Amino acid sequence: MSSRSYRILADENVERKAARYLEKRGHDVEMVVDVLEPGVTDETVVEYATETNRLVLTGDEDFLSKGLPTLFQEDGQMSAFEVAEIVDAVADAMSQSDLEQTGGTKLLEGWI
């Protein structure tokens, strides 16, 4: 478990299981499908994430390419457990404010 925790908004393409693993590790996670309507636009996701001070966890490259504070899951083959492990490793290395200043990061197996 990381010594730091993130406030995360998990996009529709993120497994609920990944959100549960992250919550067990001390991260504050909301799922887009629970707090916004399914099929909501990227802009609405960004507005909500900004208003609630959350990083967007997503597999949608649009978020990362726009320089938004994003935890980008590049490899759709990663298990929910691996995603949680990597987010924890990133949290150990960078605070949420540091990550927000850099515009986000790709979640790669090299983080663990």
PDB file of N, CA and C in Angstrom:
ATOM      1  N   MET A   1       0.835  -1.175   0.000  1.00  0.00           N
ATOM      2  CA  MET A   1       0.000   0.000   0.000  1.00  0.00           C
ATOM      3  C   MET A   1       0.881   1.240   0.000  1.00  0.00           C
ATOM      4  N   SER A   2       0.499   2.224  -0.787  1.00  0.00           N
ATOM      5  CA  SER A   2       1.260   3.455  -0.914  1.00  0.00           C
ATOM      6  C   SER A   2       1.156   4.299   0.350  1.00  0.00           C
ATOM      7  N   SER A   3       2.182   5.112   0.576  1.00  0.00           N
ATOM      8  CA  SER A   3       2.137   6.035   1.700  1.00  0.00           C
ATOM      9  C   SER A   3       1.297   7.262   1.366  1.00  0.00           C
ATOM     10  N   ARG A   4       0.977   7.453   0.096  1.00  0.00           N
ATOM     11  CA  ARG A   4       0.132   8.562  -0.358  1.00  0.00           C
ATOM     12  C   ARG A   4      -1.122   7.989  -0.997  1.00  0.00           C
ATOM     13  N   SER A   5      -2.169   8.777  -0.990  1.00  0.00           N
ATOM     14  CA  SER A   5      -3.375   8.327  -1.683  1.00  0.00           C
ATOM     15  C   SER A   5      -3.823   9.400  -2.659  1.00  0.00           C
ATOM     16  N   TYR A   6      -4.527   8.950  -3.668  1.00  0.00           N
ATOM     17  CA  TYR A   6      -5.048   9.836  -4.699  1.00  0.00           C
ATOM     18  C   TYR A   6      -6.569   9.895  -4.609  1.00  0.00           C
ATOM     19  N   ARG A   7      -7.112  11.006  -5.099  1.00  0.00           N
ATOM     20  CA  ARG A   7      -8.546  11.127  -5.351  1.00  0.00           C
ATOM     21  C   ARG A   7      -8.711  10.831  -6.836  1.00  0.00           C
ATOM     22  N   ILE A   8      -9.449   9.766  -7.160  1.00  0.00           N
ATOM     23  CA  ILE A   8      -9.511   9.249  -8.523  1.00  0.00           C
ATOM     24  C   ILE A   8     -10.947   9.187  -9.017  1.00  0.00           C
ATOM     25  N   LEU A   9     -11.113   9.556 -10.287  1.00  0.00           N
ATOM     26  CA  LEU A   9     -12.364   9.330 -10.998  1.00  0.00           C
ATOM     27  C   LEU A   9     -12.068   8.289 -12.065  1.00  0.00           C
ATOM     28  N   ALA A  10     -12.609   7.099 -11.896  1.00  0.00           N
ATOM     29  CA  ALA A  10     -12.369   5.996 -12.834  1.00  0.00           C
ATOM     30  C   ALA A  10     -13.351   6.097 -13.997  1.00  0.00           C
ATOM     31  N   ASP A  11     -12.808   6.222 -15.194  1.00  0.00           N
ATOM     32  CA  ASP A  11     -13.608   6.364 -16.412  1.00  0.00           C
ATOM     33  C   ASP A  11     -14.388   5.072 -16.683  1.00  0.00           C
ATOM     34  N   GLU A  12     -15.298   5.157 -17.631  1.00  0.00           N
ATOM     35  CA  GLU A  12     -16.158   4.014 -17.964  1.00  0.00           C
ATOM     36  C   GLU A  12     -15.381   2.795 -18.436  1.00  0.00           C
ATOM     37  N   ASN A  13     -14.186   2.988 -18.976  1.00  0.00           N
ATOM     38  CA  ASN A  13     -13.417   1.860 -19.502  1.00  0.00           C
ATOM     39  C   ASN A  13     -12.533   1.197 -18.450  1.00  0.00           C
ATOM     40  N   VAL A  14     -12.679   1.593 -17.205  1.00  0.00           N
ATOM     41  CA  VAL A  14     -11.906   1.009 -16.103  1.00  0.00           C
ATOM     42  C   VAL A  14     -12.778  -0.015 -15.378  1.00  0.00           C
ATOM     43  N   GLU A  15     -12.199  -1.166 -15.131  1.00  0.00           N
ATOM     44  CA  GLU A  15     -12.935  -2.221 -14.430  1.00  0.00           C
ATOM     45  C   GLU A  15     -13.292  -1.784 -13.011  1.00  0.00           C
ATOM     46  N   ARG A  16     -14.506  -2.101 -12.589  1.00  0.00           N
ATOM     47  CA  ARG A  16     -14.925  -1.806 -11.214  1.00  0.00           C
ATOM     48  C   ARG A  16     -13.995  -2.502 -10.214  1.00  0.00           C
ATOM     49  N   LYS A  17     -13.500  -3.657 -10.602  1.00  0.00           N
ATOM     50  CA  LYS A  17     -12.585  -4.404  -9.736  1.00  0.00           C
ATOM     51  C   LYS A  17     -11.317  -3.582  -9.451  1.00  0.00           C
ATOM     52  N   ALA A  18     -10.829  -2.848 -10.439  1.00  0.00           N
ATOM     53  CA  ALA A  18      -9.650  -1.992 -10.240  1.00  0.00           C
ATOM     54  C   ALA A  18      -9.962  -0.909  -9.215  1.00  0.00           C
ATOM     55  N   ALA A  19     -11.162  -0.325  -9.303  1.00  0.00           N
ATOM     56  CA  ALA A  19     -11.565   0.699  -8.337  1.00  0.00           C
ATOM     57  C   ALA A  19     -11.611   0.116  -6.928  1.00  0.00           C
ATOM     58  N   ARG A  20     -12.122  -1.093  -6.791  1.00  0.00           N
ATOM     59  CA  ARG A  20     -12.176  -1.737  -5.466  1.00  0.00           C
ATOM     60  C   ARG A  20     -10.783  -1.977  -4.906  1.00  0.00           C
ATOM     61  N   TYR A  21      -9.876  -2.473  -5.749  1.00  0.00           N
ATOM     62  CA  TYR A  21      -8.493  -2.679  -5.301  1.00  0.00           C
ATOM     63  C   TYR A  21      -7.876  -1.363  -4.838  1.00  0.00           C
ATOM     64  N   LEU A  22      -8.120  -0.298  -5.592  1.00  0.00           N
ATOM     65  CA  LEU A  22      -7.570   1.009  -5.228  1.00  0.00           C
ATOM     66  C   LEU A  22      -8.154   1.514  -3.912  1.00  0.00           C
ATOM     67  N   GLU A  23      -9.443   1.316  -3.704  1.00  0.00           N
ATOM     68  CA  GLU A  23     -10.072   1.717  -2.444  1.00  0.00           C
ATOM     69  C   GLU A  23      -9.469   0.960  -1.265  1.00  0.00           C
ATOM     70  N   LYS A  24      -9.223  -0.338  -1.445  1.00  0.00           N
ATOM     71  CA  LYS A  24      -8.618  -1.139  -0.381  1.00  0.00           C
ATOM     72  C   LYS A  24      -7.220  -0.653  -0.033  1.00  0.00           C
ATOM     73  N   ARG A  25      -6.576   0.017  -0.981  1.00  0.00           N
ATOM     74  CA  ARG A  25      -5.226   0.546  -0.779  1.00  0.00           C
ATOM     75  C   ARG A  25      -5.259   1.983  -0.258  1.00  0.00           C
ATOM     76  N   GLY A  26      -6.438   2.493   0.038  1.00  0.00           N
ATOM     77  CA  GLY A  26      -6.547   3.808   0.655  1.00  0.00           C
ATOM     78  C   GLY A  26      -6.843   4.968  -0.287  1.00  0.00           C
ATOM     79  N   HIS A  27      -7.038   4.687  -1.577  1.00  0.00           N
ATOM     80  CA  HIS A  27      -7.363   5.751  -2.521  1.00  0.00           C
ATOM     81  C   HIS A  27      -8.868   6.033  -2.480  1.00  0.00           C
ATOM     82  N   ASP A  28      -9.233   7.285  -2.712  1.00  0.00           N
ATOM     83  CA  ASP A  28     -10.634   7.710  -2.761  1.00  0.00           C
ATOM     84  C   ASP A  28     -11.072   7.631  -4.222  1.00  0.00           C
ATOM     85  N   VAL A  29     -11.890   6.642  -4.549  1.00  0.00           N
ATOM     86  CA  VAL A  29     -12.230   6.372  -5.949  1.00  0.00           C
ATOM     87  C   VAL A  29     -13.727   6.507  -6.182  1.00  0.00           C
ATOM     88  N   GLU A  30     -14.073   7.222  -7.233  1.00  0.00           N
ATOM     89  CA  GLU A  30     -15.442   7.272  -7.733  1.00  0.00           C
ATOM     90  C   GLU A  30     -15.426   6.750  -9.162  1.00  0.00           C
ATOM     91  N   MET A  31     -16.495   6.076  -9.542  1.00  0.00           N
ATOM     92  CA  MET A  31     -16.650   5.575 -10.904  1.00  0.00           C
ATOM     93  C   MET A  31     -17.539   6.541 -11.689  1.00  0.00           C
ATOM     94  N   VAL A  32     -17.144   6.857 -12.910  1.00  0.00           N
ATOM     95  CA  VAL A  32     -17.944   7.738 -13.766  1.00  0.00           C
ATOM     96  C   VAL A  32     -19.376   7.222 -13.857  1.00  0.00           C
ATOM     97  N   VAL A  33     -19.538   5.916 -14.016  1.00  0.00           N
ATOM     98  CA  VAL A  33     -20.886   5.352 -14.185  1.00  0.00           C
ATOM     99  C   VAL A  33     -21.745   5.500 -12.935  1.00  0.00           C
ATOM    100  N   ASP A  34     -21.127   5.764 -11.783  1.00  0.00           N
ATOM    101  CA  ASP A  34     -21.887   5.942 -10.542  1.00  0.00           C
ATOM    102  C   ASP A  34     -22.225   7.403 -10.257  1.00  0.00           C
ATOM    103  N   VAL A  35     -21.367   8.313 -10.688  1.00  0.00           N
ATOM    104  CA  VAL A  35     -21.573   9.728 -10.340  1.00  0.00           C
ATOM    105  C   VAL A  35     -22.033  10.589 -11.516  1.00  0.00           C
ATOM    106  N   LEU A  36     -21.912  10.070 -12.719  1.00  0.00           N
ATOM    107  CA  LEU A  36     -22.367  10.766 -13.929  1.00  0.00           C
ATOM    108  C   LEU A  36     -23.176   9.779 -14.765  1.00  0.00           C
ATOM    109  N   GLU A  37     -23.818  10.260 -15.783  1.00  0.00           N
ATOM    110  CA  GLU A  37     -24.615   9.371 -16.624  1.00  0.00           C
ATOM    111  C   GLU A  37     -23.723   8.555 -17.552  1.00  0.00           C
ATOM    112  N   PRO A  38     -24.098   7.289 -17.823  1.00  0.00           N
ATOM    113  CA  PRO A  38     -23.322   6.490 -18.779  1.00  0.00           C
ATOM    114  C   PRO A  38     -23.271   7.184 -20.147  1.00  0.00           C
ATOM    115  N   GLY A  39     -22.125   7.092 -20.802  1.00  0.00           N
ATOM    116  CA  GLY A  39     -21.965   7.686 -22.117  1.00  0.00           C
ATOM    117  C   GLY A  39     -21.713   9.180 -22.095  1.00  0.00           C
ATOM    118  N   VAL A  40     -21.436   9.724 -20.917  1.00  0.00           N
ATOM    119  CA  VAL A  40     -21.198  11.158 -20.772  1.00  0.00           C
ATOM    120  C   VAL A  40     -19.961  11.578 -21.577  1.00  0.00           C
ATOM    121  N   THR A  41     -19.903  12.831 -21.994  1.00  0.00           N
ATOM    122  CA  THR A  41     -18.794  13.319 -22.804  1.00  0.00           C
ATOM    123  C   THR A  41     -17.514  13.445 -21.976  1.00  0.00           C
ATOM    124  N   ASP A  42     -16.386  13.427 -22.676  1.00  0.00           N
ATOM    125  CA  ASP A  42     -15.090  13.631 -22.014  1.00  0.00           C
ATOM    126  C   ASP A  42     -15.068  14.969 -21.283  1.00  0.00           C
ATOM    127  N   GLU A  43     -15.677  15.991 -21.887  1.00  0.00           N
ATOM    128  CA  GLU A  43     -15.696  17.319 -21.283  1.00  0.00           C
ATOM    129  C   GLU A  43     -16.415  17.302 -19.940  1.00  0.00           C
ATOM    130  N   THR A  44     -17.512  16.561 -19.852  1.00  0.00           N
ATOM    131  CA  THR A  44     -18.258  16.456 -18.601  1.00  0.00           C
ATOM    132  C   THR A  44     -17.425  15.725 -17.553  1.00  0.00           C
ATOM    133  N   VAL A  45     -16.721  14.678 -17.977  1.00  0.00           N
ATOM    134  CA  VAL A  45     -15.833  13.947 -17.066  1.00  0.00           C
ATOM    135  C   VAL A  45     -14.761  14.886 -16.521  1.00  0.00           C
ATOM    136  N   VAL A  46     -14.163  15.674 -17.408  1.00  0.00           N
ATOM    137  CA  VAL A  46     -13.113  16.619 -17.004  1.00  0.00           C
ATOM    138  C   VAL A  46     -13.671  17.660 -16.039  1.00  0.00           C
ATOM    139  N   GLU A  47     -14.848  18.203 -16.333  1.00  0.00           N
ATOM    140  CA  GLU A  47     -15.467  19.198 -15.451  1.00  0.00           C
ATOM    141  C   GLU A  47     -15.674  18.622 -14.057  1.00  0.00           C
ATOM    142  N   TYR A  48     -16.225  17.412 -13.992  1.00  0.00           N
ATOM    143  CA  TYR A  48     -16.481  16.793 -12.696  1.00  0.00           C
ATOM    144  C   TYR A  48     -15.167  16.520 -11.957  1.00  0.00           C
ATOM    145  N   ALA A  49     -14.187  15.984 -12.663  1.00  0.00           N
ATOM    146  CA  ALA A  49     -12.893  15.685 -12.042  1.00  0.00           C
ATOM    147  C   ALA A  49     -12.249  16.959 -11.502  1.00  0.00           C
ATOM    148  N   THR A  50     -12.346  18.038 -12.246  1.00  0.00           N
ATOM    149  CA  THR A  50     -11.776  19.314 -11.818  1.00  0.00           C
ATOM    150  C   THR A  50     -12.510  19.851 -10.592  1.00  0.00           C
ATOM    151  N   GLU A  51     -13.840  19.819 -10.633  1.00  0.00           N
ATOM    152  CA  GLU A  51     -14.654  20.321  -9.513  1.00  0.00           C
ATOM    153  C   GLU A  51     -14.420  19.536  -8.233  1.00  0.00           C
ATOM    154  N   THR A  52     -14.127  18.244  -8.360  1.00  0.00           N
ATOM    155  CA  THR A  52     -13.975  17.385  -7.179  1.00  0.00           C
ATOM    156  C   THR A  52     -12.515  17.046  -6.879  1.00  0.00           C
ATOM    157  N   ASN A  53     -11.595  17.701  -7.586  1.00  0.00           N
ATOM    158  CA  ASN A  53     -10.153  17.504  -7.376  1.00  0.00           C
ATOM    159  C   ASN A  53      -9.757  16.040  -7.501  1.00  0.00           C
ATOM    160  N   ARG A  54     -10.078  15.444  -8.652  1.00  0.00           N
ATOM    161  CA  ARG A  54      -9.773  14.038  -8.900  1.00  0.00           C
ATOM    162  C   ARG A  54      -8.918  13.872 -10.145  1.00  0.00           C
ATOM    163  N   LEU A  55      -8.048  12.880 -10.106  1.00  0.00           N
ATOM    164  CA  LEU A  55      -7.306  12.445 -11.287  1.00  0.00           C
ATOM    165  C   LEU A  55      -8.212  11.497 -12.057  1.00  0.00           C
ATOM    166  N   VAL A  56      -8.162  11.553 -13.376  1.00  0.00           N
ATOM    167  CA  VAL A  56      -8.964  10.638 -14.191  1.00  0.00           C
ATOM    168  C   VAL A  56      -8.125   9.396 -14.488  1.00  0.00           C
ATOM    169  N   LEU A  57      -8.630   8.245 -14.101  1.00  0.00           N
ATOM    170  CA  LEU A  57      -8.027   6.955 -14.449  1.00  0.00           C
ATOM    171  C   LEU A  57      -8.780   6.447 -15.666  1.00  0.00           C
ATOM    172  N   THR A  58      -8.071   6.259 -16.774  1.00  0.00           N
ATOM    173  CA  THR A  58      -8.752   5.948 -18.031  1.00  0.00           C
ATOM    174  C   THR A  58      -7.845   5.198 -18.997  1.00  0.00           C
ATOM    175  N   GLY A  59      -8.457   4.585 -19.975  1.00  0.00           N
ATOM    176  CA  GLY A  59      -7.741   4.003 -21.092  1.00  0.00           C
ATOM    177  C   GLY A  59      -7.941   4.836 -22.348  1.00  0.00           C
ATOM    178  N   ASP A  60      -8.595   5.983 -22.200  1.00  0.00           N
ATOM    179  CA  ASP A  60      -8.898   6.888 -23.306  1.00  0.00           C
ATOM    180  C   ASP A  60      -7.750   7.887 -23.463  1.00  0.00           C
ATOM    181  N   GLU A  61      -6.997   7.734 -24.534  1.00  0.00           N
ATOM    182  CA  GLU A  61      -5.799   8.549 -24.750  1.00  0.00           C
ATOM    183  C   GLU A  61      -6.103  10.042 -24.919  1.00  0.00           C
ATOM    184  N   ASP A  62      -7.345  10.381 -25.231  1.00  0.00           N
ATOM    185  CA  ASP A  62      -7.721  11.787 -25.383  1.00  0.00           C
ATOM    186  C   ASP A  62      -7.395  12.596 -24.129  1.00  0.00           C
ATOM    187  N   PHE A  63      -7.608  12.009 -22.974  1.00  0.00           N
ATOM    188  CA  PHE A  63      -7.352  12.725 -21.723  1.00  0.00           C
ATOM    189  C   PHE A  63      -5.872  13.071 -21.579  1.00  0.00           C
ATOM    190  N   LEU A  64      -5.020  12.111 -21.853  1.00  0.00           N
ATOM    191  CA  LEU A  64      -3.573  12.322 -21.708  1.00  0.00           C
ATOM    192  C   LEU A  64      -3.058  13.298 -22.758  1.00  0.00           C
ATOM    193  N   SER A  65      -3.554  13.189 -23.966  1.00  0.00           N
ATOM    194  CA  SER A  65      -3.070  14.065 -25.046  1.00  0.00           C
ATOM    195  C   SER A  65      -3.478  15.520 -24.823  1.00  0.00           C
ATOM    196  N   LYS A  66      -4.495  15.755 -24.017  1.00  0.00           N
ATOM    197  CA  LYS A  66      -4.928  17.121 -23.718  1.00  0.00           C
ATOM    198  C   LYS A  66      -4.174  17.701 -22.518  1.00  0.00           C
ATOM    199  N   GLY A  67      -3.265  16.913 -21.934  1.00  0.00           N
ATOM    200  CA  GLY A  67      -2.496  17.397 -20.791  1.00  0.00           C
ATOM    201  C   GLY A  67      -3.298  17.475 -19.513  1.00  0.00           C
ATOM    202  N   LEU A  68      -4.372  16.705 -19.446  1.00  0.00           N
ATOM    203  CA  LEU A  68      -5.202  16.706 -18.242  1.00  0.00           C
ATOM    204  C   LEU A  68      -4.587  15.792 -17.187  1.00  0.00           C
ATOM    205  N   PRO A  69      -4.830  16.081 -15.914  1.00  0.00           N
ATOM    206  CA  PRO A  69      -4.282  15.217 -14.862  1.00  0.00           C
ATOM    207  C   PRO A  69      -4.885  13.819 -14.948  1.00  0.00           C
ATOM    208  N   THR A  70      -4.118  12.912 -15.538  1.00  0.00           N
ATOM    209  CA  THR A  70      -4.630  11.604 -15.912  1.00  0.00           C
ATOM    210  C   THR A  70      -3.687  10.488 -15.502  1.00  0.00           C
ATOM    211  N   LEU A  71      -4.265   9.398 -15.049  1.00  0.00           N
ATOM    212  CA  LEU A  71      -3.559   8.130 -14.889  1.00  0.00           C
ATOM    213  C   LEU A  71      -4.024   7.302 -16.080  1.00  0.00           C
ATOM    214  N   PHE A  72      -3.165   7.158 -17.066  1.00  0.00           N
ATOM    215  CA  PHE A  72      -3.548   6.540 -18.337  1.00  0.00           C
ATOM    216  C   PHE A  72      -3.140   5.081 -18.377  1.00  0.00           C
ATOM    217  N   GLN A  73      -4.129   4.215 -18.501  1.00  0.00           N
ATOM    218  CA  GLN A  73      -3.909   2.778 -18.593  1.00  0.00           C
ATOM    219  C   GLN A  73      -3.756   2.422 -20.057  1.00  0.00           C
ATOM    220  N   GLU A  74      -2.508   2.423 -20.523  1.00  0.00           N
ATOM    221  CA  GLU A  74      -2.230   2.205 -21.942  1.00  0.00           C
ATOM    222  C   GLU A  74      -2.524   0.778 -22.379  1.00  0.00           C
ATOM    223  N   ASP A  75      -2.179  -0.170 -21.548  1.00  0.00           N
ATOM    224  CA  ASP A  75      -2.293  -1.578 -21.900  1.00  0.00           C
ATOM    225  C   ASP A  75      -3.622  -2.129 -21.406  1.00  0.00           C
ATOM    226  N   GLY A  76      -4.556  -2.328 -22.321  1.00  0.00           N
ATOM    227  CA  GLY A  76      -5.850  -2.873 -21.952  1.00  0.00           C
ATOM    228  C   GLY A  76      -5.776  -4.301 -21.451  1.00  0.00           C
ATOM    229  N   GLN A  77      -4.582  -4.891 -21.496  1.00  0.00           N
ATOM    230  CA  GLN A  77      -4.407  -6.268 -21.040  1.00  0.00           C
ATOM    231  C   GLN A  77      -4.030  -6.366 -19.572  1.00  0.00           C
ATOM    232  N   MET A  78      -3.752  -5.223 -18.930  1.00  0.00           N
ATOM    233  CA  MET A  78      -3.381  -5.258 -17.511  1.00  0.00           C
ATOM    234  C   MET A  78      -4.577  -5.682 -16.672  1.00  0.00           C
ATOM    235  N   SER A  79      -4.314  -6.510 -15.683  1.00  0.00           N
ATOM    236  CA  SER A  79      -5.387  -6.911 -14.779  1.00  0.00           C
ATOM    237  C   SER A  79      -5.721  -5.753 -13.846  1.00  0.00           C
ATOM    238  N   ALA A  80      -6.880  -5.828 -13.212  1.00  0.00           N
ATOM    239  CA  ALA A  80      -7.286  -4.809 -12.242  1.00  0.00           C
ATOM    240  C   ALA A  80      -6.265  -4.717 -11.115  1.00  0.00           C
ATOM    241  N   PHE A  81      -5.733  -5.851 -10.694  1.00  0.00           N
ATOM    242  CA  PHE A  81      -4.718  -5.875  -9.631  1.00  0.00           C
ATOM    243  C   PHE A  81      -3.455  -5.144 -10.077  1.00  0.00           C
ATOM    244  N   GLU A  82      -3.032  -5.387 -11.331  1.00  0.00           N
ATOM    245  CA  GLU A  82      -1.826  -4.715 -11.841  1.00  0.00           C
ATOM    246  C   GLU A  82      -2.031  -3.200 -11.909  1.00  0.00           C
ATOM    247  N   VAL A  83      -3.213  -2.774 -12.332  1.00  0.00           N
ATOM    248  CA  VAL A  83      -3.507  -1.344 -12.379  1.00  0.00           C
ATOM    249  C   VAL A  83      -3.370  -0.739 -10.988  1.00  0.00           C
ATOM    250  N   ALA A  84      -3.940  -1.400  -9.985  1.00  0.00           N
ATOM    251  CA  ALA A  84      -3.855  -0.896  -8.610  1.00  0.00           C
ATOM    252  C   ALA A  84      -2.412  -0.867  -8.119  1.00  0.00           C
ATOM    253  N   GLU A  85      -1.653  -1.902  -8.442  1.00  0.00           N
ATOM    254  CA  GLU A  85      -0.235  -1.946  -8.045  1.00  0.00           C
ATOM    255  C   GLU A  85       0.540  -0.775  -8.652  1.00  0.00           C
ATOM    256  N   ILE A  86       0.290  -0.505  -9.918  1.00  0.00           N
ATOM    257  CA  ILE A  86       1.015   0.560 -10.601  1.00  0.00           C
ATOM    258  C   ILE A  86       0.586   1.927 -10.083  1.00  0.00           C
ATOM    259  N   VAL A  87      -0.710   2.131  -9.861  1.00  0.00           N
ATOM    260  CA  VAL A  87      -1.159   3.407  -9.301  1.00  0.00           C
ATOM    261  C   VAL A  87      -0.498   3.627  -7.942  1.00  0.00           C
ATOM    262  N   ASP A  88      -0.394   2.593  -7.133  1.00  0.00           N
ATOM    263  CA  ASP A  88       0.294   2.701  -5.839  1.00  0.00           C
ATOM    264  C   ASP A  88       1.761   3.094  -6.021  1.00  0.00           C
ATOM    265  N   ALA A  89       2.422   2.502  -6.997  1.00  0.00           N
ATOM    266  CA  ALA A  89       3.831   2.828  -7.249  1.00  0.00           C
ATOM    267  C   ALA A  89       3.977   4.286  -7.689  1.00  0.00           C
ATOM    268  N   VAL A  90       3.050   4.751  -8.518  1.00  0.00           N
ATOM    269  CA  VAL A  90       3.076   6.150  -8.945  1.00  0.00           C
ATOM    270  C   VAL A  90       2.845   7.055  -7.732  1.00  0.00           C
ATOM    271  N   ALA A  91       1.888   6.682  -6.878  1.00  0.00           N
ATOM    272  CA  ALA A  91       1.589   7.483  -5.684  1.00  0.00           C
ATOM    273  C   ALA A  91       2.791   7.547  -4.746  1.00  0.00           C
ATOM    274  N   ASP A  92       3.561   6.475  -4.680  1.00  0.00           N
ATOM    275  CA  ASP A  92       4.783   6.496  -3.870  1.00  0.00           C
ATOM    276  C   ASP A  92       5.802   7.483  -4.428  1.00  0.00           C
ATOM    277  N   ALA A  93       5.813   7.631  -5.749  1.00  0.00           N
ATOM    278  CA  ALA A  93       6.805   8.482  -6.406  1.00  0.00           C
ATOM    279  C   ALA A  93       6.368   9.937  -6.535  1.00  0.00           C
ATOM    280  N   MET A  94       5.055  10.173  -6.641  1.00  0.00           N
ATOM    281  CA  MET A  94       4.553  11.527  -6.914  1.00  0.00           C
ATOM    282  C   MET A  94       3.287  11.809  -6.124  1.00  0.00           C
ATOM    283  N   SER A  95       3.217  12.991  -5.539  1.00  0.00           N
ATOM    284  CA  SER A  95       1.974  13.406  -4.891  1.00  0.00           C
ATOM    285  C   SER A  95       0.938  13.722  -5.965  1.00  0.00           C
ATOM    286  N   GLN A  96      -0.313  13.841  -5.566  1.00  0.00           N
ATOM    287  CA  GLN A  96      -1.354  14.178  -6.537  1.00  0.00           C
ATOM    288  C   GLN A  96      -1.074  15.544  -7.151  1.00  0.00           C
ATOM    289  N   SER A  97      -0.634  16.513  -6.357  1.00  0.00           N
ATOM    290  CA  SER A  97      -0.369  17.845  -6.919  1.00  0.00           C
ATOM    291  C   SER A  97       0.805  17.803  -7.902  1.00  0.00           C
ATOM    292  N   ASP A  98       1.837  16.990  -7.614  1.00  0.00           N
ATOM    293  CA  ASP A  98       2.944  16.846  -8.565  1.00  0.00           C
ATOM    294  C   ASP A  98       2.455  16.247  -9.879  1.00  0.00           C
ATOM    295  N   LEU A  99       1.619  15.229  -9.766  1.00  0.00           N
ATOM    296  CA  LEU A  99       1.090  14.575 -10.958  1.00  0.00           C
ATOM    297  C   LEU A  99       0.212  15.532 -11.757  1.00  0.00           C
ATOM    298  N   GLU A 100      -0.577  16.344 -11.068  1.00  0.00           N
ATOM    299  CA  GLU A 100      -1.425  17.321 -11.749  1.00  0.00           C
ATOM    300  C   GLU A 100      -0.581  18.335 -12.513  1.00  0.00           C
ATOM    301  N   GLN A 101       0.549  18.729 -11.950  1.00  0.00           N
ATOM    302  CA  GLN A 101       1.425  19.702 -12.618  1.00  0.00           C
ATOM    303  C   GLN A 101       2.067  19.121 -13.872  1.00  0.00           C
ATOM    304  N   THR A 102       2.338  17.822 -13.871  1.00  0.00           N
ATOM    305  CA  THR A 102       2.956  17.202 -15.047  1.00  0.00           C
ATOM    306  C   THR A 102       1.934  16.846 -16.116  1.00  0.00           C
ATOM    307  N   GLY A 103       0.657  16.870 -15.767  1.00  0.00           N
ATOM    308  CA  GLY A 103      -0.386  16.553 -16.744  1.00  0.00           C
ATOM    309  C   GLY A 103      -0.744  15.086 -16.790  1.00  0.00           C
ATOM    310  N   GLY A 104      -0.144  14.280 -15.921  1.00  0.00           N
ATOM    311  CA  GLY A 104      -0.523  12.875 -15.870  1.00  0.00           C
ATOM    312  C   GLY A 104       0.625  11.960 -16.238  1.00  0.00           C
ATOM    313  N   THR A 105       0.330  10.669 -16.219  1.00  0.00           N
ATOM    314  CA  THR A 105       1.337   9.681 -16.528  1.00  0.00           C
ATOM    315  C   THR A 105       0.695   8.443 -17.134  1.00  0.00           C
ATOM    316  N   LYS A 106       1.492   7.704 -17.881  1.00  0.00           N
ATOM    317  CA  LYS A 106       1.051   6.409 -18.401  1.00  0.00           C
ATOM    318  C   LYS A 106       1.350   5.355 -17.343  1.00  0.00           C
ATOM    319  N   LEU A 107       0.416   4.456 -17.159  1.00  0.00           N
ATOM    320  CA  LEU A 107       0.611   3.347 -16.226  1.00  0.00           C
ATOM    321  C   LEU A 107       1.265   2.200 -16.982  1.00  0.00           C
ATOM    322  N   LEU A 108       2.525   1.979 -16.727  1.00  0.00           N
ATOM    323  CA  LEU A 108       3.286   0.933 -17.406  1.00  0.00           C
ATOM    324  C   LEU A 108       3.796  -0.059 -16.379  1.00  0.00           C
ATOM    325  N   GLU A 109       4.024  -1.284 -16.817  1.00  0.00           N
ATOM    326  CA  GLU A 109       4.527  -2.300 -15.895  1.00  0.00           C
ATOM    327  C   GLU A 109       5.862  -1.905 -15.293  1.00  0.00           C
ATOM    328  N   GLY A 110       6.610  -1.025 -15.944  1.00  0.00           N
ATOM    329  CA  GLY A 110       7.883  -0.571 -15.419  1.00  0.00           C
ATOM    330  C   GLY A 110       7.790   0.183 -14.116  1.00  0.00           C
ATOM    331  N   TRP A 111       6.568   0.629 -13.763  1.00  0.00           N
ATOM    332  CA  TRP A 111       6.375   1.330 -12.494  1.00  0.00           C
ATOM    333  C   TRP A 111       6.512   0.373 -11.311  1.00  0.00           C
ATOM    334  N   ILE A 112       6.294  -0.938 -11.549  1.00  0.00           N
ATOM    335  CA  ILE A 112       6.372  -1.884 -10.418  1.00  0.00           C
ATOM    336  C   ILE A 112       7.596  -2.778 -10.554  1.00  0.00           C
TER     337      ILE A 112
END
